[in-house]
N, C-alpha and C. Protein backbone atom coordinates (compact mmCIF):
# COMPACT_ATOMS: atom_id res chain seq x y z
N MET A 1 -23.81 -4.92 -10.11
CA MET A 1 -22.61 -4.11 -9.53
C MET A 1 -21.71 -5.13 -8.91
N GLN A 2 -20.45 -4.97 -9.03
CA GLN A 2 -19.41 -5.81 -8.50
C GLN A 2 -18.36 -4.92 -7.74
N LYS A 3 -18.03 -5.28 -6.56
CA LYS A 3 -16.91 -4.61 -5.81
C LYS A 3 -15.66 -5.45 -5.73
N PHE A 4 -14.60 -4.66 -5.96
CA PHE A 4 -13.33 -5.32 -5.78
C PHE A 4 -12.46 -4.39 -4.93
N TYR A 5 -11.37 -4.88 -4.42
CA TYR A 5 -10.48 -4.03 -3.63
C TYR A 5 -9.09 -4.15 -4.19
N LEU A 6 -8.53 -2.93 -4.51
CA LEU A 6 -7.20 -2.82 -5.16
C LEU A 6 -6.21 -2.47 -4.12
N LEU A 7 -5.22 -3.34 -3.99
CA LEU A 7 -4.16 -3.07 -3.03
C LEU A 7 -3.03 -2.51 -3.83
N THR A 8 -2.56 -1.39 -3.45
CA THR A 8 -1.47 -0.59 -4.13
C THR A 8 -0.30 -0.49 -3.23
N VAL A 9 0.91 -0.88 -3.73
CA VAL A 9 2.15 -0.77 -2.96
C VAL A 9 3.13 0.05 -3.82
N LEU A 10 3.61 1.15 -3.20
CA LEU A 10 4.62 1.97 -3.83
C LEU A 10 5.73 2.04 -2.85
N ILE A 11 6.90 1.61 -3.22
CA ILE A 11 8.13 1.66 -2.49
C ILE A 11 9.14 2.50 -3.13
N GLU A 12 9.68 3.54 -2.42
CA GLU A 12 10.64 4.41 -2.97
C GLU A 12 11.91 4.35 -2.14
N HIS A 13 12.87 3.47 -2.51
CA HIS A 13 14.16 3.36 -1.82
C HIS A 13 15.08 4.60 -2.16
N SER A 14 15.02 5.05 -3.38
CA SER A 14 15.80 6.28 -3.82
C SER A 14 15.09 6.73 -5.11
N ALA A 15 15.65 7.74 -5.66
CA ALA A 15 15.00 8.29 -6.87
C ALA A 15 15.21 7.32 -8.04
N GLU A 16 16.22 6.46 -7.90
CA GLU A 16 16.50 5.55 -9.02
C GLU A 16 15.84 4.14 -8.74
N CYS A 17 15.40 3.96 -7.52
CA CYS A 17 14.89 2.65 -7.12
C CYS A 17 13.43 2.70 -6.66
N ILE A 18 12.49 2.56 -7.54
CA ILE A 18 11.05 2.73 -7.20
C ILE A 18 10.38 1.51 -7.67
N SER A 19 9.54 0.89 -6.84
CA SER A 19 8.68 -0.19 -7.31
C SER A 19 7.17 0.14 -7.03
N ASP A 20 6.38 -0.30 -7.92
CA ASP A 20 4.96 -0.08 -7.89
C ASP A 20 4.21 -1.36 -8.17
N ALA A 21 3.31 -1.80 -7.29
CA ALA A 21 2.60 -3.10 -7.57
C ALA A 21 1.17 -2.83 -7.12
N HIS A 22 0.23 -3.72 -7.88
CA HIS A 22 -1.07 -3.66 -7.53
C HIS A 22 -1.63 -5.05 -7.63
N LYS A 23 -2.58 -5.40 -6.74
CA LYS A 23 -3.25 -6.70 -6.67
C LYS A 23 -4.65 -6.48 -6.37
N LEU A 24 -5.54 -7.21 -7.06
CA LEU A 24 -7.02 -7.17 -6.95
C LEU A 24 -7.47 -8.16 -6.04
N TYR A 25 -8.37 -7.87 -5.08
CA TYR A 25 -8.94 -8.81 -4.16
C TYR A 25 -10.55 -8.68 -4.27
N ASP A 26 -11.24 -9.83 -3.95
CA ASP A 26 -12.62 -9.81 -4.08
C ASP A 26 -13.37 -9.43 -2.77
N ASN A 27 -12.65 -9.34 -1.70
CA ASN A 27 -13.27 -8.85 -0.42
C ASN A 27 -12.25 -8.06 0.44
N LEU A 28 -12.82 -7.18 1.23
CA LEU A 28 -11.98 -6.19 1.91
C LEU A 28 -11.11 -6.90 3.02
N GLU A 29 -11.59 -7.86 3.69
CA GLU A 29 -10.81 -8.59 4.69
C GLU A 29 -9.59 -9.14 4.14
N THR A 30 -9.72 -9.89 3.11
CA THR A 30 -8.51 -10.49 2.39
C THR A 30 -7.49 -9.39 2.03
N ALA A 31 -8.01 -8.28 1.52
CA ALA A 31 -7.14 -7.20 0.99
C ALA A 31 -6.43 -6.57 2.30
N LYS A 32 -7.16 -6.53 3.47
CA LYS A 32 -6.57 -6.02 4.59
C LYS A 32 -5.40 -6.91 5.09
N VAL A 33 -5.55 -8.19 5.06
CA VAL A 33 -4.53 -9.13 5.50
C VAL A 33 -3.35 -8.98 4.56
N ALA A 34 -3.52 -8.92 3.32
CA ALA A 34 -2.44 -8.67 2.39
C ALA A 34 -1.76 -7.40 2.57
N MET A 35 -2.48 -6.34 3.00
CA MET A 35 -1.91 -4.98 3.27
C MET A 35 -1.00 -5.10 4.48
N ALA A 36 -1.48 -5.83 5.52
CA ALA A 36 -0.66 -5.97 6.73
C ALA A 36 0.65 -6.75 6.40
N ILE A 37 0.63 -7.63 5.53
CA ILE A 37 1.84 -8.37 5.17
C ILE A 37 2.78 -7.41 4.40
N GLU A 38 2.24 -6.68 3.49
CA GLU A 38 3.01 -5.69 2.73
C GLU A 38 3.63 -4.68 3.67
N ILE A 39 2.96 -4.15 4.62
CA ILE A 39 3.44 -3.15 5.58
C ILE A 39 4.55 -3.76 6.37
N GLU A 40 4.36 -4.98 6.88
CA GLU A 40 5.42 -5.60 7.52
C GLU A 40 6.73 -5.69 6.81
N GLU A 41 6.64 -6.15 5.60
CA GLU A 41 7.75 -6.23 4.69
C GLU A 41 8.42 -4.94 4.42
N ALA A 42 7.59 -3.98 4.13
CA ALA A 42 8.17 -2.56 3.92
C ALA A 42 8.85 -1.99 5.13
N THR A 43 8.27 -2.27 6.27
CA THR A 43 8.85 -1.80 7.46
C THR A 43 10.23 -2.44 7.73
N GLU A 44 10.35 -3.68 7.44
CA GLU A 44 11.71 -4.39 7.52
C GLU A 44 12.75 -3.76 6.58
N ASN A 45 12.21 -3.42 5.41
CA ASN A 45 13.21 -2.83 4.42
C ASN A 45 13.64 -1.50 4.84
N PHE A 46 12.91 -0.71 5.58
CA PHE A 46 13.32 0.55 6.07
C PHE A 46 13.80 0.65 7.52
N ALA A 47 14.00 -0.47 8.10
CA ALA A 47 14.35 -0.48 9.48
C ALA A 47 15.60 0.27 9.89
N GLN A 48 16.59 0.35 8.99
CA GLN A 48 17.80 1.11 9.26
C GLN A 48 17.71 2.57 9.10
N ARG A 49 16.50 3.12 8.60
CA ARG A 49 16.37 4.46 8.28
C ARG A 49 15.51 5.25 9.37
N VAL A 50 15.87 6.48 9.50
CA VAL A 50 15.09 7.31 10.47
C VAL A 50 13.92 7.92 9.70
N GLY A 51 12.78 7.86 10.25
CA GLY A 51 11.60 8.51 9.56
C GLY A 51 10.38 8.44 10.44
N GLN A 52 9.27 8.66 9.72
CA GLN A 52 8.02 8.72 10.51
C GLN A 52 6.87 8.28 9.67
N THR A 53 5.78 7.78 10.35
CA THR A 53 4.56 7.48 9.62
C THR A 53 3.82 8.73 9.40
N ILE A 54 3.34 9.00 8.13
CA ILE A 54 2.71 10.25 7.68
C ILE A 54 1.21 9.96 7.76
N ILE A 55 0.71 8.84 7.28
CA ILE A 55 -0.64 8.44 7.25
C ILE A 55 -0.73 7.02 7.81
N ASP A 56 -1.73 6.84 8.72
CA ASP A 56 -1.95 5.53 9.35
C ASP A 56 -3.44 5.36 9.59
N VAL A 57 -4.17 4.96 8.61
CA VAL A 57 -5.66 4.82 8.72
C VAL A 57 -5.91 3.30 8.30
N ASP A 58 -7.19 2.93 8.42
CA ASP A 58 -7.54 1.51 8.27
C ASP A 58 -7.08 0.96 6.81
N THR A 59 -7.13 1.80 5.83
CA THR A 59 -6.89 1.36 4.48
C THR A 59 -5.72 1.93 3.79
N CYS A 60 -4.83 2.63 4.60
CA CYS A 60 -3.63 3.28 3.98
C CYS A 60 -2.62 3.51 5.05
N GLN A 61 -1.34 3.24 4.67
CA GLN A 61 -0.23 3.64 5.64
C GLN A 61 0.78 4.26 4.69
N GLU A 62 1.34 5.36 5.09
CA GLU A 62 2.51 6.00 4.42
C GLU A 62 3.55 6.29 5.44
N TRP A 63 4.76 5.88 5.18
CA TRP A 63 6.00 6.22 5.97
C TRP A 63 7.08 6.82 5.11
N ARG A 64 7.70 7.81 5.73
CA ARG A 64 8.83 8.50 4.91
C ARG A 64 10.05 8.79 5.81
N ASP A 65 11.21 8.59 5.18
CA ASP A 65 12.49 8.97 5.89
C ASP A 65 12.70 10.46 5.86
N GLU A 66 13.83 10.83 6.35
CA GLU A 66 14.21 12.27 6.30
C GLU A 66 14.48 12.84 4.93
N GLU A 67 14.74 11.92 3.93
CA GLU A 67 14.99 12.38 2.54
C GLU A 67 13.70 12.31 1.74
N GLY A 68 12.69 11.83 2.28
CA GLY A 68 11.36 11.71 1.53
C GLY A 68 11.11 10.38 0.89
N PHE A 69 12.01 9.49 1.15
CA PHE A 69 11.73 8.16 0.59
C PHE A 69 11.06 7.24 1.58
N GLY A 70 10.33 6.22 1.04
CA GLY A 70 9.58 5.37 1.99
C GLY A 70 8.56 4.53 1.20
N TYR A 71 7.45 4.32 1.83
CA TYR A 71 6.40 3.55 1.21
C TYR A 71 4.95 4.12 1.39
N THR A 72 4.07 3.79 0.49
CA THR A 72 2.72 4.13 0.53
C THR A 72 2.01 2.74 0.20
N ILE A 73 1.12 2.24 1.12
CA ILE A 73 0.42 1.05 0.91
C ILE A 73 -1.11 1.32 1.26
N GLY A 74 -1.87 1.04 0.26
CA GLY A 74 -3.36 1.30 0.45
C GLY A 74 -4.26 0.44 -0.26
N ILE A 75 -5.53 0.46 0.09
CA ILE A 75 -6.55 -0.32 -0.49
C ILE A 75 -7.62 0.74 -0.97
N GLU A 76 -8.02 0.50 -2.26
CA GLU A 76 -9.07 1.38 -2.87
C GLU A 76 -10.17 0.44 -3.25
N GLU A 77 -11.48 0.87 -3.01
CA GLU A 77 -12.60 0.13 -3.48
C GLU A 77 -12.92 0.38 -4.82
N VAL A 78 -13.02 -0.57 -5.68
CA VAL A 78 -13.38 -0.45 -7.02
C VAL A 78 -14.84 -1.01 -7.39
N ILE A 79 -15.73 -0.25 -7.91
CA ILE A 79 -17.02 -0.73 -8.19
C ILE A 79 -17.20 -0.74 -9.71
N LEU A 80 -17.64 -1.97 -10.20
CA LEU A 80 -17.91 -2.14 -11.61
C LEU A 80 -19.44 -2.24 -11.81
N ASN A 81 -19.98 -1.44 -12.68
CA ASN A 81 -21.36 -1.38 -13.05
C ASN A 81 -21.42 -2.06 -14.38
N HIS A 82 -22.03 -3.28 -14.45
CA HIS A 82 -22.28 -3.95 -15.76
C HIS A 82 -23.52 -3.53 -16.31
N GLN A 83 -23.55 -3.12 -17.53
CA GLN A 83 -24.78 -2.73 -18.33
C GLN A 83 -25.05 -3.82 -19.39
N PRO A 84 -26.20 -4.47 -19.30
CA PRO A 84 -26.50 -5.45 -20.34
C PRO A 84 -26.68 -4.91 -21.76
């Protein structure tokens, strides 16, 4: 059994401007550091907009403006079972 941690970043600036990225990490702590960096960058991108944090837990943060645009950044544990 092998564990990985998938960092998912969804940024929605508008209906026409959406970016989606994924990166795989081999340990949770490294994924959390990367998540913190992504959240900081996303927060800077939306600094001029009024909105609120919808979800703020250890492995996920979602923020939306008044029009529903914003970001969702999270970590998902992925377990691979190898069968010989």
